[in-house]
Amino acid sequence: MHNDCGNVERGGLMCYLPSSVEKYYCAATYVDEVLKGAKASERPVEQPKKFDFLFNLKAARQIGVTIPPNVLARATRIIQ
């Protein structure tokens, strides 16, 4: 997966952070506007709108944590 949640893939319990795809899209849009003449200092600060939410069920089982089904339903990715 191309996000910053590598710790979950290596055994961490969970990760919640701005979507990597959205970060790259916003960065490309920003660069495009600057290259077309917009002043970087006048560009607004953008807040992320989409987030990745990952769970590692194997890690949860190992430490005895039960993740409620309604929380798992919101996950972007579940690692078995």
PDB file of N, CA and C in Angstrom:
ATOM      1  N   MET A   1       0.855  -1.171   0.000  1.00  0.00           N
ATOM      2  CA  MET A   1       0.000   0.000   0.000  1.00  0.00           C
ATOM      3  C   MET A   1       0.897   1.230   0.000  1.00  0.00           C
ATOM      4  N   HIS A   2       0.482   2.239  -0.704  1.00  0.00           N
ATOM      5  CA  HIS A   2       1.318   3.426  -0.874  1.00  0.00           C
ATOM      6  C   HIS A   2       0.953   4.534   0.117  1.00  0.00           C
ATOM      7  N   ASN A   3       0.860   4.186   1.382  1.00  0.00           N
ATOM      8  CA  ASN A   3       0.563   5.209   2.379  1.00  0.00           C
ATOM      9  C   ASN A   3       1.606   5.168   3.485  1.00  0.00           C
ATOM     10  N   ASP A   4       1.401   5.955   4.508  1.00  0.00           N
ATOM     11  CA  ASP A   4       2.353   6.043   5.604  1.00  0.00           C
ATOM     12  C   ASP A   4       2.005   5.110   6.755  1.00  0.00           C
ATOM     13  N   CYS A   5       1.144   4.138   6.514  1.00  0.00           N
ATOM     14  CA  CYS A   5       0.697   3.208   7.561  1.00  0.00           C
ATOM     15  C   CYS A   5       1.522   1.930   7.578  1.00  0.00           C
ATOM     16  N   GLY A   6       2.776   2.018   7.244  1.00  0.00           N
ATOM     17  CA  GLY A   6       3.635   0.836   7.212  1.00  0.00           C
ATOM     18  C   GLY A   6       3.736   0.133   8.546  1.00  0.00           C
ATOM     19  N   ASN A   7       3.604   0.881   9.643  1.00  0.00           N
ATOM     20  CA  ASN A   7       3.687   0.240  10.961  1.00  0.00           C
ATOM     21  C   ASN A   7       2.549  -0.739  11.179  1.00  0.00           C
ATOM     22  N   VAL A   8       1.381  -0.477  10.621  1.00  0.00           N
ATOM     23  CA  VAL A   8       0.260  -1.408  10.742  1.00  0.00           C
ATOM     24  C   VAL A   8       0.573  -2.684   9.963  1.00  0.00           C
ATOM     25  N   GLU A   9       1.174  -2.538   8.821  1.00  0.00           N
ATOM     26  CA  GLU A   9       1.548  -3.704   8.021  1.00  0.00           C
ATOM     27  C   GLU A   9       2.649  -4.518   8.702  1.00  0.00           C
ATOM     28  N   ARG A  10       3.419  -3.875   9.568  1.00  0.00           N
ATOM     29  CA  ARG A  10       4.504  -4.569  10.277  1.00  0.00           C
ATOM     30  C   ARG A  10       4.105  -4.995  11.688  1.00  0.00           C
ATOM     31  N   GLY A  11       2.806  -4.876  12.033  1.00  0.00           N
ATOM     32  CA  GLY A  11       2.365  -5.359  13.330  1.00  0.00           C
ATOM     33  C   GLY A  11       1.694  -4.351  14.223  1.00  0.00           C
ATOM     34  N   GLY A  12       1.611  -3.091  13.810  1.00  0.00           N
ATOM     35  CA  GLY A  12       0.904  -2.092  14.601  1.00  0.00           C
ATOM     36  C   GLY A  12      -0.592  -2.366  14.591  1.00  0.00           C
ATOM     37  N   LEU A  13      -1.320  -1.831  15.547  1.00  0.00           N
ATOM     38  CA  LEU A  13      -2.747  -2.114  15.677  1.00  0.00           C
ATOM     39  C   LEU A  13      -3.603  -1.361  14.664  1.00  0.00           C
ATOM     40  N   MET A  14      -3.407  -0.056  14.557  1.00  0.00           N
ATOM     41  CA  MET A  14      -4.248   0.725  13.659  1.00  0.00           C
ATOM     42  C   MET A  14      -3.539   1.992  13.203  1.00  0.00           C
ATOM     43  N   CYS A  15      -4.106   2.608  12.168  1.00  0.00           N
ATOM     44  CA  CYS A  15      -3.540   3.834  11.618  1.00  0.00           C
ATOM     45  C   CYS A  15      -4.681   4.663  11.024  1.00  0.00           C
ATOM     46  N   TYR A  16      -4.659   5.950  11.268  1.00  0.00           N
ATOM     47  CA  TYR A  16      -5.645   6.880  10.717  1.00  0.00           C
ATOM     48  C   TYR A  16      -4.889   8.131  10.285  1.00  0.00           C
ATOM     49  N   LEU A  17      -4.863   8.387   8.987  1.00  0.00           N
ATOM     50  CA  LEU A  17      -4.140   9.546   8.495  1.00  0.00           C
ATOM     51  C   LEU A  17      -4.707   9.993   7.160  1.00  0.00           C
ATOM     52  N   PRO A  18      -4.361  11.204   6.713  1.00  0.00           N
ATOM     53  CA  PRO A  18      -4.863  11.676   5.421  1.00  0.00           C
ATOM     54  C   PRO A  18      -4.500  10.705   4.298  1.00  0.00           C
ATOM     55  N   SER A  19      -5.409  10.554   3.365  1.00  0.00           N
ATOM     56  CA  SER A  19      -5.225   9.648   2.234  1.00  0.00           C
ATOM     57  C   SER A  19      -3.991  10.028   1.423  1.00  0.00           C
ATOM     58  N   SER A  20      -3.169   9.045   1.135  1.00  0.00           N
ATOM     59  CA  SER A  20      -1.966   9.292   0.326  1.00  0.00           C
ATOM     60  C   SER A  20      -2.332   9.760  -1.068  1.00  0.00           C
ATOM     61  N   VAL A  21      -3.354   9.161  -1.648  1.00  0.00           N
ATOM     62  CA  VAL A  21      -3.779   9.544  -2.994  1.00  0.00           C
ATOM     63  C   VAL A  21      -4.188  11.016  -3.011  1.00  0.00           C
ATOM     64  N   GLU A  22      -4.951  11.437  -2.007  1.00  0.00           N
ATOM     65  CA  GLU A  22      -5.382  12.834  -1.954  1.00  0.00           C
ATOM     66  C   GLU A  22      -4.186  13.770  -1.756  1.00  0.00           C
ATOM     67  N   LYS A  23      -3.220  13.342  -0.920  1.00  0.00           N
ATOM     68  CA  LYS A  23      -2.037  14.191  -0.699  1.00  0.00           C
ATOM     69  C   LYS A  23      -1.295  14.432  -2.008  1.00  0.00           C
ATOM     70  N   TYR A  24      -1.112  13.369  -2.811  1.00  0.00           N
ATOM     71  CA  TYR A  24      -0.403  13.510  -4.088  1.00  0.00           C
ATOM     72  C   TYR A  24      -1.196  14.364  -5.064  1.00  0.00           C
ATOM     73  N   TYR A  25      -2.512  14.177  -5.090  1.00  0.00           N
ATOM     74  CA  TYR A  25      -3.356  14.974  -5.977  1.00  0.00           C
ATOM     75  C   TYR A  25      -3.270  16.451  -5.603  1.00  0.00           C
ATOM     76  N   CYS A  26      -3.377  16.762  -4.315  1.00  0.00           N
ATOM     77  CA  CYS A  26      -3.297  18.162  -3.865  1.00  0.00           C
ATOM     78  C   CYS A  26      -1.937  18.772  -4.181  1.00  0.00           C
ATOM     79  N   ALA A  27      -0.878  17.986  -3.981  1.00  0.00           N
ATOM     80  CA  ALA A  27       0.471  18.487  -4.276  1.00  0.00           C
ATOM     81  C   ALA A  27       0.620  18.778  -5.764  1.00  0.00           C
ATOM     82  N   ALA A  28       0.102  17.895  -6.608  1.00  0.00           N
ATOM     83  CA  ALA A  28       0.203  18.098  -8.056  1.00  0.00           C
ATOM     84  C   ALA A  28      -0.588  19.338  -8.478  1.00  0.00           C
ATOM     85  N   THR A  29      -1.762  19.524  -7.907  1.00  0.00           N
ATOM     86  CA  THR A  29      -2.582  20.694  -8.216  1.00  0.00           C
ATOM     87  C   THR A  29      -1.864  21.973  -7.802  1.00  0.00           C
ATOM     88  N   TYR A  30      -1.256  21.943  -6.624  1.00  0.00           N
ATOM     89  CA  TYR A  30      -0.517  23.093  -6.105  1.00  0.00           C
ATOM     90  C   TYR A  30       0.644  23.451  -7.039  1.00  0.00           C
ATOM     91  N   VAL A  31       1.436  22.459  -7.414  1.00  0.00           N
ATOM     92  CA  VAL A  31       2.582  22.681  -8.302  1.00  0.00           C
ATOM     93  C   VAL A  31       2.103  23.219  -9.648  1.00  0.00           C
ATOM     94  N   ASP A  32       1.030  22.648 -10.183  1.00  0.00           N
ATOM     95  CA  ASP A  32       0.484  23.106 -11.459  1.00  0.00           C
ATOM     96  C   ASP A  32       0.118  24.579 -11.408  1.00  0.00           C
ATOM     97  N   GLU A  33      -0.559  24.993 -10.349  1.00  0.00           N
ATOM     98  CA  GLU A  33      -0.972  26.390 -10.231  1.00  0.00           C
ATOM     99  C   GLU A  33       0.228  27.325 -10.093  1.00  0.00           C
ATOM    100  N   VAL A  34       1.234  26.904  -9.338  1.00  0.00           N
ATOM    101  CA  VAL A  34       2.438  27.727  -9.176  1.00  0.00           C
ATOM    102  C   VAL A  34       3.181  27.845 -10.507  1.00  0.00           C
ATOM    103  N   LEU A  35       3.274  26.736 -11.242  1.00  0.00           N
ATOM    104  CA  LEU A  35       3.953  26.775 -12.539  1.00  0.00           C
ATOM    105  C   LEU A  35       3.201  27.638 -13.553  1.00  0.00           C
ATOM    106  N   LYS A  36       1.915  27.791 -13.348  1.00  0.00           N
ATOM    107  CA  LYS A  36       1.107  28.636 -14.240  1.00  0.00           C
ATOM    108  C   LYS A  36       1.102  30.090 -13.797  1.00  0.00           C
ATOM    109  N   GLY A  37       1.853  30.420 -12.726  1.00  0.00           N
ATOM    110  CA  GLY A  37       2.015  31.809 -12.338  1.00  0.00           C
ATOM    111  C   GLY A  37       1.414  32.216 -11.010  1.00  0.00           C
ATOM    112  N   ALA A  38       0.691  31.340 -10.349  1.00  0.00           N
ATOM    113  CA  ALA A  38       0.126  31.698  -9.041  1.00  0.00           C
ATOM    114  C   ALA A  38       1.252  31.852  -8.029  1.00  0.00           C
ATOM    115  N   LYS A  39       1.092  32.770  -7.106  1.00  0.00           N
ATOM    116  CA  LYS A  39       2.098  32.952  -6.067  1.00  0.00           C
ATOM    117  C   LYS A  39       1.871  31.935  -4.955  1.00  0.00           C
ATOM    118  N   ALA A  40       2.913  31.211  -4.627  1.00  0.00           N
ATOM    119  CA  ALA A  40       2.805  30.180  -3.582  1.00  0.00           C
ATOM    120  C   ALA A  40       2.382  30.791  -2.252  1.00  0.00           C
ATOM    121  N   SER A  41       2.846  32.003  -1.977  1.00  0.00           N
ATOM    122  CA  SER A  41       2.520  32.649  -0.705  1.00  0.00           C
ATOM    123  C   SER A  41       1.043  33.044  -0.600  1.00  0.00           C
ATOM    124  N   GLU A  42       0.357  33.097  -1.720  1.00  0.00           N
ATOM    125  CA  GLU A  42      -1.051  33.466  -1.715  1.00  0.00           C
ATOM    126  C   GLU A  42      -1.994  32.268  -1.779  1.00  0.00           C
ATOM    127  N   ARG A  43      -1.431  31.087  -1.904  1.00  0.00           N
ATOM    128  CA  ARG A  43      -2.259  29.866  -1.950  1.00  0.00           C
ATOM    129  C   ARG A  43      -2.761  29.538  -0.551  1.00  0.00           C
ATOM    130  N   PRO A  44      -4.022  29.143  -0.428  1.00  0.00           N
ATOM    131  CA  PRO A  44      -4.551  28.800   0.893  1.00  0.00           C
ATOM    132  C   PRO A  44      -3.996  27.470   1.399  1.00  0.00           C
ATOM    133  N   VAL A  45      -3.989  27.316   2.695  1.00  0.00           N
ATOM    134  CA  VAL A  45      -3.620  26.042   3.292  1.00  0.00           C
ATOM    135  C   VAL A  45      -4.837  25.134   3.178  1.00  0.00           C
ATOM    136  N   GLU A  46      -4.647  23.947   2.634  1.00  0.00           N
ATOM    137  CA  GLU A  46      -5.769  23.037   2.442  1.00  0.00           C
ATOM    138  C   GLU A  46      -5.764  21.950   3.508  1.00  0.00           C
ATOM    139  N   GLN A  47      -6.940  21.660   4.025  1.00  0.00           N
ATOM    140  CA  GLN A  47      -7.100  20.580   4.991  1.00  0.00           C
ATOM    141  C   GLN A  47      -7.494  19.312   4.243  1.00  0.00           C
ATOM    142  N   PRO A  48      -6.991  18.159   4.676  1.00  0.00           N
ATOM    143  CA  PRO A  48      -7.381  16.913   4.008  1.00  0.00           C
ATOM    144  C   PRO A  48      -8.876  16.645   4.175  1.00  0.00           C
ATOM    145  N   LYS A  49      -9.448  16.007   3.156  1.00  0.00           N
ATOM    146  CA  LYS A  49     -10.872  15.685   3.188  1.00  0.00           C
ATOM    147  C   LYS A  49     -11.102  14.183   3.281  1.00  0.00           C
ATOM    148  N   LYS A  50     -10.142  13.404   2.823  1.00  0.00           N
ATOM    149  CA  LYS A  50     -10.270  11.947   2.850  1.00  0.00           C
ATOM    150  C   LYS A  50      -9.155  11.368   3.718  1.00  0.00           C
ATOM    151  N   PHE A  51      -9.483  10.306   4.429  1.00  0.00           N
ATOM    152  CA  PHE A  51      -8.518   9.675   5.326  1.00  0.00           C
ATOM    153  C   PHE A  51      -8.481   8.168   5.102  1.00  0.00           C
ATOM    154  N   ASP A  52      -7.326   7.577   5.370  1.00  0.00           N
ATOM    155  CA  ASP A  52      -7.171   6.126   5.364  1.00  0.00           C
ATOM    156  C   ASP A  52      -7.262   5.643   6.805  1.00  0.00           C
ATOM    157  N   PHE A  53      -7.959   4.542   7.017  1.00  0.00           N
ATOM    158  CA  PHE A  53      -8.196   3.976   8.341  1.00  0.00           C
ATOM    159  C   PHE A  53      -7.900   2.491   8.242  1.00  0.00           C
ATOM    160  N   LEU A  54      -6.769   2.053   8.788  1.00  0.00           N
ATOM    161  CA  LEU A  54      -6.338   0.663   8.683  1.00  0.00           C
ATOM    162  C   LEU A  54      -6.346  -0.018  10.039  1.00  0.00           C
ATOM    163  N   PHE A  55      -6.690  -1.299  10.021  1.00  0.00           N
ATOM    164  CA  PHE A  55      -6.638  -2.128  11.226  1.00  0.00           C
ATOM    165  C   PHE A  55      -5.858  -3.393  10.935  1.00  0.00           C
ATOM    166  N   ASN A  56      -5.121  -3.846  11.923  1.00  0.00           N
ATOM    167  CA  ASN A  56      -4.415  -5.118  11.849  1.00  0.00           C
ATOM    168  C   ASN A  56      -5.102  -6.062  12.838  1.00  0.00           C
ATOM    169  N   LEU A  57      -5.971  -6.943  12.317  1.00  0.00           N
ATOM    170  CA  LEU A  57      -6.711  -7.851  13.192  1.00  0.00           C
ATOM    171  C   LEU A  57      -5.807  -8.885  13.858  1.00  0.00           C
ATOM    172  N   LYS A  58      -4.732  -9.250  13.188  1.00  0.00           N
ATOM    173  CA  LYS A  58      -3.786 -10.201  13.784  1.00  0.00           C
ATOM    174  C   LYS A  58      -3.178  -9.595  15.051  1.00  0.00           C
ATOM    175  N   ALA A  59      -2.774  -8.336  14.967  1.00  0.00           N
ATOM    176  CA  ALA A  59      -2.201  -7.656  16.136  1.00  0.00           C
ATOM    177  C   ALA A  59      -3.258  -7.511  17.230  1.00  0.00           C
ATOM    178  N   ALA A  60      -4.490  -7.214  16.852  1.00  0.00           N
ATOM    179  CA  ALA A  60      -5.567  -7.068  17.835  1.00  0.00           C
ATOM    180  C   ALA A  60      -5.791  -8.382  18.587  1.00  0.00           C
ATOM    181  N   ARG A  61      -5.808  -9.483  17.861  1.00  0.00           N
ATOM    182  CA  ARG A  61      -5.974 -10.797  18.508  1.00  0.00           C
ATOM    183  C   ARG A  61      -4.821 -11.096  19.466  1.00  0.00           C
ATOM    184  N   GLN A  62      -3.617 -10.755  19.055  1.00  0.00           N
ATOM    185  CA  GLN A  62      -2.443 -11.052  19.880  1.00  0.00           C
ATOM    186  C   GLN A  62      -2.462 -10.302  21.204  1.00  0.00           C
ATOM    187  N   ILE A  63      -3.034  -9.110  21.234  1.00  0.00           N
ATOM    188  CA  ILE A  63      -3.068  -8.350  22.489  1.00  0.00           C
ATOM    189  C   ILE A  63      -4.438  -8.416  23.173  1.00  0.00           C
ATOM    190  N   GLY A  64      -5.347  -9.204  22.592  1.00  0.00           N
ATOM    191  CA  GLY A  64      -6.642  -9.411  23.222  1.00  0.00           C
ATOM    192  C   GLY A  64      -7.639  -8.275  23.060  1.00  0.00           C
ATOM    193  N   VAL A  65      -7.524  -7.523  21.984  1.00  0.00           N
ATOM    194  CA  VAL A  65      -8.429  -6.405  21.726  1.00  0.00           C
ATOM    195  C   VAL A  65      -9.462  -6.841  20.690  1.00  0.00           C
ATOM    196  N   THR A  66     -10.719  -6.556  20.975  1.00  0.00           N
ATOM    197  CA  THR A  66     -11.791  -6.833  20.027  1.00  0.00           C
ATOM    198  C   THR A  66     -12.234  -5.518  19.398  1.00  0.00           C
ATOM    199  N   ILE A  67     -12.192  -5.456  18.083  1.00  0.00           N
ATOM    200  CA  ILE A  67     -12.605  -4.260  17.354  1.00  0.00           C
ATOM    201  C   ILE A  67     -14.078  -4.438  16.982  1.00  0.00           C
ATOM    202  N   PRO A  68     -14.946  -3.528  17.400  1.00  0.00           N
ATOM    203  CA  PRO A  68     -16.368  -3.657  17.079  1.00  0.00           C
ATOM    204  C   PRO A  68     -16.606  -3.673  15.559  1.00  0.00           C
ATOM    205  N   PRO A  69     -17.578  -4.477  15.105  1.00  0.00           N
ATOM    206  CA  PRO A  69     -17.859  -4.577  13.663  1.00  0.00           C
ATOM    207  C   PRO A  69     -18.193  -3.231  13.013  1.00  0.00           C
ATOM    208  N   ASN A  70     -18.883  -2.331  13.730  1.00  0.00           N
ATOM    209  CA  ASN A  70     -19.219  -1.035  13.130  1.00  0.00           C
ATOM    210  C   ASN A  70     -17.973  -0.171  12.913  1.00  0.00           C
ATOM    211  N   VAL A  71     -16.939  -0.386  13.694  1.00  0.00           N
ATOM    212  CA  VAL A  71     -15.677   0.328  13.490  1.00  0.00           C
ATOM    213  C   VAL A  71     -14.926  -0.286  12.315  1.00  0.00           C
ATOM    214  N   LEU A  72     -14.890  -1.616  12.255  1.00  0.00           N
ATOM    215  CA  LEU A  72     -14.227  -2.289  11.138  1.00  0.00           C
ATOM    216  C   LEU A  72     -14.889  -1.957   9.805  1.00  0.00           C
ATOM    217  N   ALA A  73     -16.204  -1.724   9.825  1.00  0.00           N
ATOM    218  CA  ALA A  73     -16.918  -1.390   8.590  1.00  0.00           C
ATOM    219  C   ALA A  73     -16.443  -0.065   8.003  1.00  0.00           C
ATOM    220  N   ARG A  74     -15.868   0.784   8.811  1.00  0.00           N
ATOM    221  CA  ARG A  74     -15.379   2.090   8.339  1.00  0.00           C
ATOM    222  C   ARG A  74     -13.934   2.036   7.870  1.00  0.00           C
ATOM    223  N   ALA A  75     -13.279   0.910   8.056  1.00  0.00           N
ATOM    224  CA  ALA A  75     -11.864   0.782   7.709  1.00  0.00           C
ATOM    225  C   ALA A  75     -11.665   0.819   6.212  1.00  0.00           C
ATOM    226  N   THR A  76     -10.585   1.482   5.797  1.00  0.00           N
ATOM    227  CA  THR A  76     -10.179   1.496   4.410  1.00  0.00           C
ATOM    228  C   THR A  76      -9.571   0.151   4.032  1.00  0.00           C
ATOM    229  N   ARG A  77      -8.858  -0.425   4.999  1.00  0.00           N
ATOM    230  CA  ARG A  77      -8.180  -1.707   4.770  1.00  0.00           C
ATOM    231  C   ARG A  77      -8.073  -2.455   6.093  1.00  0.00           C
ATOM    232  N   ILE A  78      -8.289  -3.767   6.027  1.00  0.00           N
ATOM    233  CA  ILE A  78      -8.149  -4.623   7.206  1.00  0.00           C
ATOM    234  C   ILE A  78      -7.099  -5.673   6.889  1.00  0.00           C
ATOM    235  N   ILE A  79      -6.098  -5.746   7.741  1.00  0.00           N
ATOM    236  CA  ILE A  79      -5.036  -6.734   7.581  1.00  0.00           C
ATOM    237  C   ILE A  79      -5.384  -7.933   8.456  1.00  0.00           C
ATOM    238  N   GLN A  80      -5.482  -9.106   7.835  1.00  0.00           N
ATOM    239  CA  GLN A  80      -5.844 -10.325   8.553  1.00  0.00           C
ATOM    240  C   GLN A  80      -4.592 -10.921   9.151  1.00  0.00           C
TER     241      GLN A  80
END
